[in-house]
Amino acid sequence: MLPDILLNYTDFFQPLNLFNYITFRAIGALLTALLISFIFGPFIISM
């Protein structure tokens, strides 16, 4: 959803064109999932 919003502004800020690439989106999703698992993982394991 965020990349879809940011793609509207690629005419004004060229680095936002990175969101056009599926590999960049996949790496972003991977890092987001990794961060969430590092934050909530210890809490879930200790339950």
PDB file of N, CA and C in Angstrom:
ATOM      1  N   MET A   1       0.816  -1.175   0.000  1.00  0.00           N
ATOM      2  CA  MET A   1       0.000   0.000   0.000  1.00  0.00           C
ATOM      3  C   MET A   1       0.870   1.253   0.000  1.00  0.00           C
ATOM      4  N   LEU A   2       1.882   1.285   0.828  1.00  0.00           N
ATOM      5  CA  LEU A   2       2.770   2.437   0.868  1.00  0.00           C
ATOM      6  C   LEU A   2       3.474   2.665  -0.467  1.00  0.00           C
ATOM      7  N   PRO A   3       4.008   1.608  -1.116  1.00  0.00           N
ATOM      8  CA  PRO A   3       4.629   1.856  -2.424  1.00  0.00           C
ATOM      9  C   PRO A   3       3.661   2.425  -3.452  1.00  0.00           C
ATOM     10  N   ASP A   4       2.402   2.021  -3.396  1.00  0.00           N
ATOM     11  CA  ASP A   4       1.420   2.542  -4.346  1.00  0.00           C
ATOM     12  C   ASP A   4       1.207   4.038  -4.145  1.00  0.00           C
ATOM     13  N   ILE A   5       1.244   4.484  -2.907  1.00  0.00           N
ATOM     14  CA  ILE A   5       1.085   5.910  -2.614  1.00  0.00           C
ATOM     15  C   ILE A   5       2.338   6.672  -3.055  1.00  0.00           C
ATOM     16  N   LEU A   6       3.508   6.110  -2.757  1.00  0.00           N
ATOM     17  CA  LEU A   6       4.747   6.809  -3.064  1.00  0.00           C
ATOM     18  C   LEU A   6       5.045   6.873  -4.558  1.00  0.00           C
ATOM     19  N   LEU A   7       4.532   5.933  -5.336  1.00  0.00           N
ATOM     20  CA  LEU A   7       4.783   5.944  -6.770  1.00  0.00           C
ATOM     21  C   LEU A   7       4.156   7.150  -7.458  1.00  0.00           C
ATOM     22  N   ASN A   8       3.195   7.782  -6.826  1.00  0.00           N
ATOM     23  CA  ASN A   8       2.597   8.986  -7.398  1.00  0.00           C
ATOM     24  C   ASN A   8       3.565  10.160  -7.397  1.00  0.00           C
ATOM     25  N   TYR A   9       4.602  10.100  -6.573  1.00  0.00           N
ATOM     26  CA  TYR A   9       5.532  11.217  -6.421  1.00  0.00           C
ATOM     27  C   TYR A   9       6.883  10.973  -7.085  1.00  0.00           C
ATOM     28  N   THR A  10       6.965   9.991  -7.966  1.00  0.00           N
ATOM     29  CA  THR A  10       8.241   9.690  -8.618  1.00  0.00           C
ATOM     30  C   THR A  10       8.681  10.789  -9.570  1.00  0.00           C
ATOM     31  N   ASP A  11       7.763  11.595 -10.054  1.00  0.00           N
ATOM     32  CA  ASP A  11       8.145  12.711 -10.927  1.00  0.00           C
ATOM     33  C   ASP A  11       8.916  13.775 -10.160  1.00  0.00           C
ATOM     34  N   PHE A  12       8.670  13.890  -8.869  1.00  0.00           N
ATOM     35  CA  PHE A  12       9.309  14.917  -8.054  1.00  0.00           C
ATOM     36  C   PHE A  12      10.556  14.421  -7.348  1.00  0.00           C
ATOM     37  N   PHE A  13      10.614  13.119  -7.051  1.00  0.00           N
ATOM     38  CA  PHE A  13      11.740  12.551  -6.292  1.00  0.00           C
ATOM     39  C   PHE A  13      12.099  11.205  -6.914  1.00  0.00           C
ATOM     40  N   GLN A  14      13.147  11.179  -7.710  1.00  0.00           N
ATOM     41  CA  GLN A  14      13.507  10.010  -8.516  1.00  0.00           C
ATOM     42  C   GLN A  14      13.830   8.741  -7.719  1.00  0.00           C
ATOM     43  N   PRO A  15      14.444   8.796  -6.521  1.00  0.00           N
ATOM     44  CA  PRO A  15      14.726   7.543  -5.800  1.00  0.00           C
ATOM     45  C   PRO A  15      13.482   6.717  -5.460  1.00  0.00           C
ATOM     46  N   LEU A  16      12.300   7.307  -5.507  1.00  0.00           N
ATOM     47  CA  LEU A  16      11.081   6.536  -5.246  1.00  0.00           C
ATOM     48  C   LEU A  16      10.792   5.536  -6.353  1.00  0.00           C
ATOM     49  N   ASN A  17      11.516   5.626  -7.463  1.00  0.00           N
ATOM     50  CA  ASN A  17      11.353   4.655  -8.541  1.00  0.00           C
ATOM     51  C   ASN A  17      11.785   3.256  -8.110  1.00  0.00           C
ATOM     52  N   LEU A  18      12.523   3.151  -7.017  1.00  0.00           N
ATOM     53  CA  LEU A  18      12.930   1.838  -6.507  1.00  0.00           C
ATOM     54  C   LEU A  18      11.729   0.961  -6.190  1.00  0.00           C
ATOM     55  N   PHE A  19      10.607   1.586  -5.840  1.00  0.00           N
ATOM     56  CA  PHE A  19       9.418   0.809  -5.501  1.00  0.00           C
ATOM     57  C   PHE A  19       8.805   0.133  -6.718  1.00  0.00           C
ATOM     58  N   ASN A  20       9.292   0.437  -7.903  1.00  0.00           N
ATOM     59  CA  ASN A  20       8.819  -0.241  -9.108  1.00  0.00           C
ATOM     60  C   ASN A  20       9.400  -1.643  -9.229  1.00  0.00           C
ATOM     61  N   TYR A  21      10.504  -1.902  -8.557  1.00  0.00           N
ATOM     62  CA  TYR A  21      11.204  -3.176  -8.678  1.00  0.00           C
ATOM     63  C   TYR A  21      10.709  -4.165  -7.636  1.00  0.00           C
ATOM     64  N   ILE A  22      10.335  -5.345  -8.099  1.00  0.00           N
ATOM     65  CA  ILE A  22       9.786  -6.371  -7.205  1.00  0.00           C
ATOM     66  C   ILE A  22      10.850  -6.854  -6.212  1.00  0.00           C
ATOM     67  N   THR A  23      12.120  -6.835  -6.606  1.00  0.00           N
ATOM     68  CA  THR A  23      13.167  -7.273  -5.677  1.00  0.00           C
ATOM     69  C   THR A  23      13.301  -6.304  -4.506  1.00  0.00           C
ATOM     70  N   PHE A  24      13.166  -5.027  -4.766  1.00  0.00           N
ATOM     71  CA  PHE A  24      13.237  -4.037  -3.690  1.00  0.00           C
ATOM     72  C   PHE A  24      12.064  -4.214  -2.732  1.00  0.00           C
ATOM     73  N   ARG A  25      10.875  -4.474  -3.290  1.00  0.00           N
ATOM     74  CA  ARG A  25       9.707  -4.704  -2.444  1.00  0.00           C
ATOM     75  C   ARG A  25       9.860  -5.983  -1.631  1.00  0.00           C
ATOM     76  N   ALA A  26      10.439  -7.015  -2.236  1.00  0.00           N
ATOM     77  CA  ALA A  26      10.631  -8.286  -1.527  1.00  0.00           C
ATOM     78  C   ALA A  26      11.631  -8.124  -0.390  1.00  0.00           C
ATOM     79  N   ILE A  27      12.699  -7.405  -0.631  1.00  0.00           N
ATOM     80  CA  ILE A  27      13.694  -7.174   0.426  1.00  0.00           C
ATOM     81  C   ILE A  27      13.079  -6.344   1.549  1.00  0.00           C
ATOM     82  N   GLY A  28      12.261  -5.364   1.201  1.00  0.00           N
ATOM     83  CA  GLY A  28      11.572  -4.569   2.224  1.00  0.00           C
ATOM     84  C   GLY A  28      10.643  -5.416   3.063  1.00  0.00           C
ATOM     85  N   ALA A  29       9.919  -6.328   2.422  1.00  0.00           N
ATOM     86  CA  ALA A  29       9.022  -7.222   3.159  1.00  0.00           C
ATOM     87  C   ALA A  29       9.815  -8.159   4.056  1.00  0.00           C
ATOM     88  N   LEU A  30      10.929  -8.660   3.562  1.00  0.00           N
ATOM     89  CA  LEU A  30      11.772  -9.550   4.354  1.00  0.00           C
ATOM     90  C   LEU A  30      12.315  -8.839   5.589  1.00  0.00           C
ATOM     91  N   LEU A  31      12.806  -7.633   5.413  1.00  0.00           N
ATOM     92  CA  LEU A  31      13.353  -6.892   6.552  1.00  0.00           C
ATOM     93  C   LEU A  31      12.264  -6.515   7.557  1.00  0.00           C
ATOM     94  N   THR A  32      11.085  -6.196   7.064  1.00  0.00           N
ATOM     95  CA  THR A  32       9.979  -5.888   7.969  1.00  0.00           C
ATOM     96  C   THR A  32       9.584  -7.108   8.789  1.00  0.00           C
ATOM     97  N   ALA A  33       9.486  -8.261   8.137  1.00  0.00           N
ATOM     98  CA  ALA A  33       9.140  -9.492   8.854  1.00  0.00           C
ATOM     99  C   ALA A  33      10.228  -9.866   9.857  1.00  0.00           C
ATOM    100  N   LEU A  34      11.473  -9.680   9.488  1.00  0.00           N
ATOM    101  CA  LEU A  34      12.586  -9.973  10.392  1.00  0.00           C
ATOM    102  C   LEU A  34      12.552  -9.066  11.613  1.00  0.00           C
ATOM    103  N   LEU A  35      12.292  -7.795  11.404  1.00  0.00           N
ATOM    104  CA  LEU A  35      12.215  -6.851  12.512  1.00  0.00           C
ATOM    105  C   LEU A  35      11.065  -7.195  13.455  1.00  0.00           C
ATOM    106  N   ILE A  36       9.914  -7.526  12.897  1.00  0.00           N
ATOM    107  CA  ILE A  36       8.767  -7.897  13.728  1.00  0.00           C
ATOM    108  C   ILE A  36       9.057  -9.160  14.531  1.00  0.00           C
ATOM    109  N   SER A  37       9.719 -10.132  13.895  1.00  0.00           N
ATOM    110  CA  SER A  37      10.019 -11.370  14.620  1.00  0.00           C
ATOM    111  C   SER A  37      11.058 -11.148  15.715  1.00  0.00           C
ATOM    112  N   PHE A  38      12.002 -10.242  15.502  1.00  0.00           N
ATOM    113  CA  PHE A  38      12.982  -9.934  16.548  1.00  0.00           C
ATOM    114  C   PHE A  38      12.333  -9.202  17.721  1.00  0.00           C
ATOM    115  N   ILE A  39      11.355  -8.383  17.437  1.00  0.00           N
ATOM    116  CA  ILE A  39      10.698  -7.621  18.507  1.00  0.00           C
ATOM    117  C   ILE A  39       9.744  -8.506  19.308  1.00  0.00           C
ATOM    118  N   PHE A  40       8.893  -9.260  18.607  1.00  0.00           N
ATOM    119  CA  PHE A  40       7.851 -10.039  19.295  1.00  0.00           C
ATOM    120  C   PHE A  40       8.232 -11.488  19.549  1.00  0.00           C
ATOM    121  N   GLY A  41       9.292 -11.965  18.952  1.00  0.00           N
ATOM    122  CA  GLY A  41       9.700 -13.361  19.098  1.00  0.00           C
ATOM    123  C   GLY A  41       9.991 -13.785  20.530  1.00  0.00           C
ATOM    124  N   PRO A  42      10.830 -13.052  21.259  1.00  0.00           N
ATOM    125  CA  PRO A  42      11.134 -13.449  22.638  1.00  0.00           C
ATOM    126  C   PRO A  42       9.894 -13.485  23.537  1.00  0.00           C
ATOM    127  N   PHE A  43       8.968 -12.584  23.300  1.00  0.00           N
ATOM    128  CA  PHE A  43       7.731 -12.573  24.106  1.00  0.00           C
ATOM    129  C   PHE A  43       6.901 -13.809  23.817  1.00  0.00           C
ATOM    130  N   ILE A  44       6.797 -14.167  22.557  1.00  0.00           N
ATOM    131  CA  ILE A  44       5.989 -15.337  22.177  1.00  0.00           C
ATOM    132  C   ILE A  44       6.648 -16.633  22.644  1.00  0.00           C
ATOM    133  N   ILE A  45       7.969 -16.713  22.572  1.00  0.00           N
ATOM    134  CA  ILE A  45       8.677 -17.917  23.010  1.00  0.00           C
ATOM    135  C   ILE A  45       8.540 -18.127  24.513  1.00  0.00           C
ATOM    136  N   SER A  46       8.577 -17.029  25.269  1.00  0.00           N
ATOM    137  CA  SER A  46       8.518 -17.142  26.729  1.00  0.00           C
ATOM    138  C   SER A  46       7.114 -17.491  27.241  1.00  0.00           C
ATOM    139  N   MET A  47       6.106 -17.428  26.376  1.00  0.00           N
ATOM    140  CA  MET A  47       4.740 -17.728  26.819  1.00  0.00           C
ATOM    141  C   MET A  47       4.550 -19.183  27.049  1.00  0.00           C
TER     142      MET A  47
END
